[in-house]
Protein backbone atom coordinates (compact mmCIF):
# COMPACT_ATOMS: atom_id res chain seq x y z
CA UNK A 1 4.36 10.55 -1.19
CA UNK A 2 0.78 9.83 -0.89
CA UNK A 3 -0.18 12.83 1.34
CA UNK A 4 0.43 15.27 -1.59
CA UNK A 5 -0.75 12.90 -4.41
CA UNK A 6 -3.33 15.35 -5.49
CA UNK A 7 -0.90 18.11 -6.15
CA UNK A 8 0.61 16.85 -9.30
CA UNK A 9 -0.87 16.03 -12.71
CA UNK A 10 -0.23 12.29 -13.14
CA UNK A 11 -0.46 12.64 -16.89
CA UNK A 12 2.54 14.87 -17.14
CA UNK A 13 5.66 13.55 -18.57
CA UNK A 14 8.09 13.14 -15.72
CA UNK A 15 5.49 11.84 -13.22
CA UNK A 16 7.06 8.64 -12.03
CA UNK A 17 4.44 7.35 -9.64
CA UNK A 18 3.76 7.85 -5.93
CA UNK A 19 6.64 6.95 -3.70
CA UNK A 20 6.03 4.98 -0.64
CA UNK A 21 9.36 3.17 0.15
CA UNK A 22 9.22 -0.51 -0.37
CA UNK A 23 5.40 -0.32 -1.04
CA UNK A 24 6.26 1.62 -4.36
CA UNK A 25 6.01 0.24 -7.77
CA UNK A 26 9.64 -1.06 -8.56
CA UNK A 27 10.12 1.63 -11.42
CA UNK A 28 8.95 4.35 -9.21
CA UNK A 29 11.15 3.33 -6.28
CA UNK A 30 14.23 3.04 -8.65
CA UNK A 31 13.52 6.46 -10.18
CA UNK A 32 13.29 8.35 -6.87
CA UNK A 33 15.90 6.49 -4.91
CA UNK A 34 18.50 6.86 -7.83
CA UNK A 35 17.63 10.51 -8.61
CA UNK A 36 20.49 12.96 -8.62
CA UNK A 37 18.62 15.23 -6.33
CA UNK A 38 15.45 14.66 -4.36
CA UNK A 39 13.47 17.74 -3.21
CA UNK A 40 11.05 17.17 -0.39
CA UNK A 41 8.60 20.07 0.15
CA UNK A 42 6.71 20.02 3.42
CA UNK A 43 7.06 16.13 3.45
CA UNK A 44 6.43 14.41 6.68
CA UNK A 45 7.98 10.93 6.76
CA UNK A 46 5.54 8.82 8.74
CA UNK A 47 4.93 5.14 9.18
CA UNK A 48 2.08 5.02 7.06
CA UNK A 49 3.20 6.85 4.06
CA UNK A 50 6.61 5.32 3.93
CA UNK A 51 5.45 1.68 4.36
CA UNK A 52 7.05 1.56 7.92
CA UNK A 53 9.83 3.98 7.54
CA UNK A 54 11.27 1.98 4.41
CA UNK A 55 12.15 5.12 2.24
CA UNK A 56 15.74 5.07 1.09
CA UNK A 57 16.52 8.71 0.22
CA UNK A 58 20.31 9.40 0.46
CA UNK A 59 20.72 12.55 2.84
CA UNK A 60 23.59 13.93 0.72
CA UNK A 61 21.23 14.21 -2.31
CA UNK A 62 18.24 15.38 -0.45
CA UNK A 63 16.91 18.97 -0.09
CA UNK A 64 14.07 19.28 2.42
CA UNK A 65 11.98 22.39 2.68
CA UNK A 66 9.71 22.75 5.75
CA UNK A 67 7.72 25.74 6.56
CA UNK A 68 10.38 27.44 8.42
CA UNK A 69 13.61 25.41 7.90
CA UNK A 70 15.62 24.01 5.06
CA UNK A 71 17.95 21.04 4.90
CA UNK A 72 20.53 20.51 2.32
CA UNK A 73 22.37 17.23 2.78
CA UNK A 74 23.24 17.19 6.52
CA UNK A 75 23.06 20.94 7.07
CA UNK A 76 19.83 22.71 8.48
CA UNK A 77 19.08 26.29 8.08
CA UNK A 78 16.41 27.54 10.35
CA UNK A 79 14.33 30.71 10.09
CA UNK A 80 14.03 30.24 6.24
CA UNK A 81 10.38 30.63 5.11
CA UNK A 82 9.11 27.97 2.66
CA UNK A 83 8.16 30.51 0.11
CA UNK A 84 11.56 32.22 0.08
CA UNK A 85 13.38 28.81 -0.05
CA UNK A 86 11.17 27.73 -3.03
CA UNK A 87 11.79 30.95 -4.81
CA UNK A 88 15.54 30.69 -4.30
CA UNK A 89 15.35 27.19 -5.38
CA UNK A 90 13.52 28.07 -8.68
CA UNK A 91 15.96 30.88 -9.31
CA UNK A 92 19.02 28.64 -8.82
CA UNK A 93 17.73 25.61 -10.92
CA UNK A 94 16.07 27.43 -13.83
CA UNK A 95 19.30 27.70 -15.84
CA UNK A 96 19.78 23.97 -15.35
CA UNK A 97 16.20 22.88 -16.40
CA UNK A 98 17.17 22.42 -20.14
CA UNK A 99 19.53 19.60 -18.99
CA UNK A 100 17.09 17.58 -17.20
CA UNK A 101 16.20 14.32 -18.68
CA UNK A 102 12.51 13.18 -18.44
CA UNK A 103 12.31 9.64 -17.14
CA UNK A 104 10.66 7.35 -19.42
CA UNK A 105 8.51 5.19 -17.19
CA UNK A 106 5.31 3.64 -18.38
CA UNK A 107 2.60 3.17 -15.71
CA UNK A 108 1.58 -0.62 -14.98
CA UNK A 109 -1.52 -1.65 -16.40
CA UNK A 110 -4.49 -1.64 -13.99
CA UNK A 111 -5.29 -4.97 -12.59
CA UNK A 112 -8.78 -6.40 -13.14
CA UNK A 113 -11.01 -6.63 -10.43
CA UNK A 114 -10.73 -10.03 -8.78
CA UNK A 115 -13.55 -12.14 -7.61
CA UNK A 116 -13.53 -14.04 -4.13
CA UNK A 117 -12.28 -12.99 -0.82
CA UNK A 118 -12.39 -9.27 -0.04
CA UNK A 119 -8.63 -8.23 0.40
CA UNK A 120 -6.73 -4.92 0.06
CA UNK A 121 -5.51 -6.08 -3.28
CA UNK A 122 -8.75 -7.18 -4.74
CA UNK A 123 -10.67 -4.06 -3.32
CA UNK A 124 -8.14 -1.53 -4.83
CA UNK A 125 -7.85 -3.48 -8.06
CA UNK A 126 -11.59 -3.07 -8.54
CA UNK A 127 -11.61 0.46 -7.68
CA UNK A 128 -8.57 1.24 -9.95
CA UNK A 129 -10.42 -0.55 -12.73
CA UNK A 130 -13.50 1.61 -12.40
CA UNK A 131 -11.38 4.85 -12.54
CA UNK A 132 -11.17 6.84 -15.70
CA UNK A 133 -9.20 10.03 -16.42
CA UNK A 134 -10.79 13.12 -14.95
CA UNK A 135 -12.41 11.31 -12.20
CA UNK A 136 -11.53 12.73 -8.67
CA UNK A 137 -11.34 10.09 -5.91
CA UNK A 138 -10.98 11.02 -2.43
CA UNK A 139 -10.62 8.08 0.15
CA UNK A 140 -12.88 8.34 3.25
CA UNK A 141 -11.70 10.20 6.20
CA UNK A 142 -8.46 11.95 5.11
CA UNK A 143 -6.93 8.90 3.59
CA UNK A 144 -7.58 6.50 6.38
CA UNK A 145 -9.50 4.01 4.39
CA UNK A 146 -6.32 3.57 2.30
CA UNK A 147 -4.21 3.05 5.23
CA UNK A 148 -6.49 0.35 6.63
CA UNK A 149 -4.68 -2.85 6.11
CA UNK A 150 -1.83 -1.20 4.23
CA UNK A 151 0.47 -3.55 5.94
CA UNK A 152 -1.17 -6.70 4.62
CA UNK A 153 -0.38 -5.43 1.07
CA UNK A 154 3.25 -5.32 1.66
């Protein structure tokens, strides 16, 4: 999800892209929506980060960890602090880690900056073409620049 984008190294094997429902790259969407288990840590499903609530995450395959509650499938457990839930999840999943397959997803090539009318697609293609590994980019005003006109990109 976009609000946690800076938390993970996108160069790590296993990184499949940023998930935003139907606005996701097709290979990212397929990898996330078809995963055996989806772990959502502190995730807030809002209209802007899900492209209008278009996420398709099967509840029965989802573990949601919030600051003081955890959901496993359809069952909520309140009063569980996030740090305790994460520690328990790490302990339970550690013996299984050797069996996990790393998805083999190749990131799409960056589009060249387009000439002509200023559109969301042309603007972000130009920005993307200028970025290099190691550059830190922070959109203006807590990500609102990215969200401006996001609907037009769909």
